[in-house]
């Protein structure tokens, strides 16, 4: 099932060797709780965001601003199959 939702990215680790990010998903219209997903490093975060549908300038801006410590929020389609693949469900 596809619907839209908000995807929030927050940097949680500040050490150079351990840059951690927390990805949270909030489906529009409710539908239950979706567990957060931790990512270690920009490469893992990039892969998760790509799988969720972020690309191009939106993806690069989100990665850059997350690295700077700014919380990011994206509106993207929510695909339950992709959420399962990524371990959100």
N, C-alpha and C. Protein backbone atom coordinates (compact mmCIF):
# COMPACT_ATOMS: atom_id res chain seq x y z
N UNK A 1 0.83 -1.17 0.00
CA UNK A 1 0.00 0.00 0.00
C UNK A 1 0.88 1.25 0.00
N UNK A 2 0.59 2.18 -0.87
CA UNK A 2 1.35 3.43 -0.94
C UNK A 2 0.51 4.58 -0.44
N UNK A 3 1.13 5.44 0.34
CA UNK A 3 0.53 6.70 0.77
C UNK A 3 1.65 7.66 1.06
N UNK A 4 1.35 8.88 1.38
CA UNK A 4 2.38 9.86 1.63
C UNK A 4 2.64 9.96 3.13
N UNK A 5 3.80 10.48 3.44
CA UNK A 5 4.15 10.67 4.84
C UNK A 5 5.37 11.56 4.97
N UNK A 6 5.70 11.89 6.19
CA UNK A 6 6.86 12.72 6.50
C UNK A 6 7.99 11.82 6.98
N UNK A 7 9.17 12.11 6.49
CA UNK A 7 10.37 11.40 6.90
C UNK A 7 11.30 12.42 7.54
N UNK A 8 11.63 12.19 8.80
CA UNK A 8 12.49 13.11 9.54
C UNK A 8 13.87 12.49 9.71
N UNK A 9 14.90 13.30 9.54
CA UNK A 9 16.28 12.86 9.72
C UNK A 9 16.92 13.76 10.77
N UNK A 10 17.54 13.15 11.76
CA UNK A 10 18.19 13.88 12.84
C UNK A 10 19.57 13.29 13.11
N UNK A 11 20.58 14.13 13.15
CA UNK A 11 21.93 13.67 13.49
C UNK A 11 22.00 13.46 14.99
N UNK A 12 22.46 12.28 15.40
CA UNK A 12 22.50 11.96 16.83
C UNK A 12 23.90 11.75 17.36
N UNK A 13 24.87 11.50 16.51
CA UNK A 13 26.25 11.29 16.95
C UNK A 13 27.13 12.35 16.33
N UNK A 14 28.06 12.92 17.11
CA UNK A 14 28.86 14.02 16.58
C UNK A 14 30.34 13.66 16.39
N UNK A 15 30.78 12.53 16.92
CA UNK A 15 32.18 12.15 16.76
C UNK A 15 32.47 11.83 15.29
N UNK A 16 33.64 12.21 14.80
CA UNK A 16 33.98 12.00 13.39
C UNK A 16 33.90 10.53 13.01
N UNK A 17 34.36 9.65 13.86
CA UNK A 17 34.37 8.22 13.54
C UNK A 17 33.00 7.57 13.76
N UNK A 18 32.05 8.30 14.34
CA UNK A 18 30.75 7.72 14.63
C UNK A 18 29.65 8.74 14.37
N UNK A 19 29.39 8.97 13.11
CA UNK A 19 28.29 9.87 12.74
C UNK A 19 27.02 9.04 12.63
N UNK A 20 26.09 9.30 13.53
CA UNK A 20 24.85 8.52 13.55
C UNK A 20 23.67 9.44 13.26
N UNK A 21 22.68 8.85 12.62
CA UNK A 21 21.48 9.58 12.24
C UNK A 21 20.27 8.73 12.62
N UNK A 22 19.19 9.40 12.95
CA UNK A 22 17.94 8.73 13.27
C UNK A 22 16.92 9.12 12.20
N UNK A 23 16.31 8.11 11.58
CA UNK A 23 15.30 8.33 10.56
C UNK A 23 13.95 7.91 11.15
N UNK A 24 13.01 8.84 11.15
CA UNK A 24 11.66 8.59 11.68
C UNK A 24 10.65 8.79 10.56
N UNK A 25 9.59 7.98 10.58
CA UNK A 25 8.57 8.06 9.55
C UNK A 25 7.22 8.29 10.22
N UNK A 26 6.49 9.27 9.69
CA UNK A 26 5.16 9.60 10.19
C UNK A 26 4.18 9.57 9.02
N UNK A 27 3.47 8.45 8.82
CA UNK A 27 2.52 8.37 7.71
C UNK A 27 1.39 9.38 7.85
N UNK A 28 0.99 10.00 6.73
CA UNK A 28 -0.16 10.90 6.74
C UNK A 28 -1.41 10.10 7.07
N UNK A 29 -2.28 10.68 7.85
CA UNK A 29 -3.53 10.02 8.20
C UNK A 29 -3.38 8.95 9.26
N UNK A 30 -2.26 8.95 9.96
CA UNK A 30 -2.06 7.96 11.02
C UNK A 30 -1.74 6.58 10.46
N UNK A 31 -2.28 5.58 11.09
CA UNK A 31 -2.03 4.22 10.62
C UNK A 31 -1.10 3.44 11.52
N UNK A 32 -0.78 3.99 12.66
CA UNK A 32 0.04 3.23 13.59
C UNK A 32 1.47 3.73 13.67
N UNK A 33 2.13 3.23 14.67
CA UNK A 33 3.49 3.63 14.99
C UNK A 33 4.47 2.89 14.10
N UNK A 34 5.46 3.60 13.58
CA UNK A 34 6.54 3.01 12.80
C UNK A 34 7.83 3.23 13.58
N UNK A 35 8.56 2.17 13.93
CA UNK A 35 9.80 2.35 14.70
C UNK A 35 10.82 3.20 13.94
N UNK A 36 11.65 3.91 14.68
CA UNK A 36 12.74 4.69 14.08
C UNK A 36 13.80 3.75 13.55
N UNK A 37 14.63 4.27 12.68
CA UNK A 37 15.74 3.49 12.09
C UNK A 37 17.02 4.27 12.30
N UNK A 38 18.01 3.67 12.94
CA UNK A 38 19.31 4.30 13.13
C UNK A 38 20.20 3.99 11.92
N UNK A 39 20.96 4.98 11.51
CA UNK A 39 21.93 4.82 10.42
C UNK A 39 23.28 5.29 10.94
N UNK A 40 24.32 4.54 10.64
CA UNK A 40 25.67 4.94 11.02
C UNK A 40 26.39 5.38 9.75
N UNK A 41 26.70 6.65 9.71
CA UNK A 41 27.43 7.20 8.58
C UNK A 41 26.53 7.67 7.44
N UNK A 42 27.10 8.55 6.63
CA UNK A 42 26.38 9.13 5.50
C UNK A 42 26.04 8.10 4.43
N UNK A 43 26.88 7.10 4.24
CA UNK A 43 26.61 6.10 3.20
C UNK A 43 25.34 5.31 3.53
N UNK A 44 25.22 4.88 4.77
CA UNK A 44 24.02 4.14 5.16
C UNK A 44 22.78 5.03 5.09
N UNK A 45 22.91 6.27 5.56
CA UNK A 45 21.79 7.21 5.49
C UNK A 45 21.37 7.45 4.04
N UNK A 46 22.34 7.64 3.16
CA UNK A 46 22.06 7.86 1.73
C UNK A 46 21.29 6.66 1.16
N UNK A 47 21.71 5.45 1.50
CA UNK A 47 21.04 4.26 1.00
C UNK A 47 19.60 4.15 1.47
N UNK A 48 19.37 4.45 2.74
CA UNK A 48 18.02 4.40 3.29
C UNK A 48 17.13 5.44 2.61
N UNK A 49 17.64 6.66 2.49
CA UNK A 49 16.83 7.72 1.88
C UNK A 49 16.55 7.44 0.41
N UNK A 50 17.53 6.90 -0.30
CA UNK A 50 17.30 6.52 -1.71
C UNK A 50 16.22 5.46 -1.82
N UNK A 51 16.29 4.45 -0.97
CA UNK A 51 15.30 3.39 -1.00
C UNK A 51 13.90 3.94 -0.70
N UNK A 52 13.83 4.95 0.16
CA UNK A 52 12.54 5.56 0.48
C UNK A 52 12.04 6.50 -0.60
N UNK A 53 12.89 6.83 -1.59
CA UNK A 53 12.44 7.64 -2.71
C UNK A 53 13.06 9.01 -2.84
N UNK A 54 13.96 9.38 -1.95
CA UNK A 54 14.63 10.68 -2.08
C UNK A 54 15.70 10.57 -3.16
N UNK A 55 15.83 11.62 -3.97
CA UNK A 55 16.87 11.61 -5.00
C UNK A 55 17.27 13.03 -5.37
N UNK A 56 18.27 13.14 -6.22
CA UNK A 56 18.71 14.42 -6.74
C UNK A 56 19.05 15.46 -5.69
N UNK A 57 18.61 16.69 -5.96
CA UNK A 57 18.90 17.81 -5.06
C UNK A 57 18.29 17.61 -3.67
N UNK A 58 17.12 17.01 -3.61
CA UNK A 58 16.47 16.78 -2.32
C UNK A 58 17.32 15.86 -1.45
N UNK A 59 17.84 14.79 -2.04
CA UNK A 59 18.70 13.86 -1.31
C UNK A 59 19.97 14.55 -0.85
N UNK A 60 20.63 15.25 -1.75
CA UNK A 60 21.91 15.89 -1.40
C UNK A 60 21.72 16.98 -0.35
N UNK A 61 20.66 17.78 -0.45
CA UNK A 61 20.39 18.82 0.55
C UNK A 61 20.11 18.19 1.92
N UNK A 62 19.34 17.12 1.94
CA UNK A 62 19.03 16.45 3.19
C UNK A 62 20.29 15.90 3.85
N UNK A 63 21.16 15.27 3.07
CA UNK A 63 22.42 14.74 3.61
C UNK A 63 23.31 15.87 4.14
N UNK A 64 23.42 16.93 3.39
CA UNK A 64 24.28 18.06 3.79
C UNK A 64 23.77 18.70 5.08
N UNK A 65 22.47 18.97 5.13
CA UNK A 65 21.92 19.64 6.30
C UNK A 65 21.90 18.72 7.52
N UNK A 66 21.69 17.44 7.32
CA UNK A 66 21.76 16.49 8.44
C UNK A 66 23.19 16.47 9.00
N UNK A 67 24.17 16.48 8.12
CA UNK A 67 25.57 16.49 8.56
C UNK A 67 25.88 17.74 9.37
N UNK A 68 25.25 18.86 9.01
CA UNK A 68 25.47 20.12 9.74
C UNK A 68 24.70 20.15 11.06
N UNK A 69 23.91 19.12 11.33
CA UNK A 69 23.18 19.04 12.59
C UNK A 69 21.78 19.62 12.54
N UNK A 70 21.31 19.94 11.34
CA UNK A 70 19.96 20.48 11.19
C UNK A 70 18.98 19.33 10.96
N UNK A 71 17.90 19.33 11.70
CA UNK A 71 16.87 18.32 11.51
C UNK A 71 16.21 18.54 10.15
N UNK A 72 15.97 17.47 9.44
CA UNK A 72 15.38 17.54 8.10
C UNK A 72 14.06 16.81 8.06
N UNK A 73 13.14 17.31 7.26
CA UNK A 73 11.84 16.68 7.09
C UNK A 73 11.50 16.65 5.61
N UNK A 74 11.19 15.46 5.11
CA UNK A 74 10.84 15.28 3.70
C UNK A 74 9.43 14.73 3.60
N UNK A 75 8.71 15.11 2.57
CA UNK A 75 7.43 14.47 2.29
C UNK A 75 7.66 13.55 1.10
N UNK A 76 7.42 12.25 1.32
CA UNK A 76 7.65 11.24 0.28
C UNK A 76 6.54 10.20 0.32
N UNK A 77 6.39 9.46 -0.79
CA UNK A 77 5.46 8.33 -0.74
C UNK A 77 5.98 7.29 0.27
N UNK A 78 5.07 6.68 0.98
CA UNK A 78 5.42 5.64 1.95
C UNK A 78 5.00 4.30 1.37
N UNK A 79 5.96 3.43 1.16
CA UNK A 79 5.72 2.10 0.60
C UNK A 79 6.01 1.08 1.70
N UNK A 80 4.99 0.37 2.16
CA UNK A 80 5.18 -0.56 3.28
C UNK A 80 6.19 -1.65 2.97
N UNK A 81 6.28 -2.08 1.72
CA UNK A 81 7.26 -3.11 1.34
C UNK A 81 8.68 -2.58 1.56
N UNK A 82 8.92 -1.34 1.17
CA UNK A 82 10.26 -0.75 1.37
C UNK A 82 10.55 -0.57 2.85
N UNK A 83 9.54 -0.20 3.63
CA UNK A 83 9.74 -0.06 5.07
C UNK A 83 10.15 -1.39 5.69
N UNK A 84 9.55 -2.47 5.25
CA UNK A 84 9.92 -3.80 5.76
C UNK A 84 11.35 -4.15 5.37
N UNK A 85 11.71 -3.89 4.12
CA UNK A 85 13.07 -4.19 3.64
C UNK A 85 14.11 -3.46 4.49
N UNK A 86 13.80 -2.21 4.85
CA UNK A 86 14.74 -1.38 5.60
C UNK A 86 14.68 -1.62 7.12
N UNK A 87 13.78 -2.48 7.56
CA UNK A 87 13.70 -2.80 8.99
C UNK A 87 12.86 -1.85 9.81
N UNK A 88 12.04 -1.00 9.17
CA UNK A 88 11.16 -0.12 9.92
C UNK A 88 9.98 -0.88 10.50
N UNK A 89 9.60 -1.99 9.90
CA UNK A 89 8.42 -2.74 10.33
C UNK A 89 8.79 -4.19 10.56
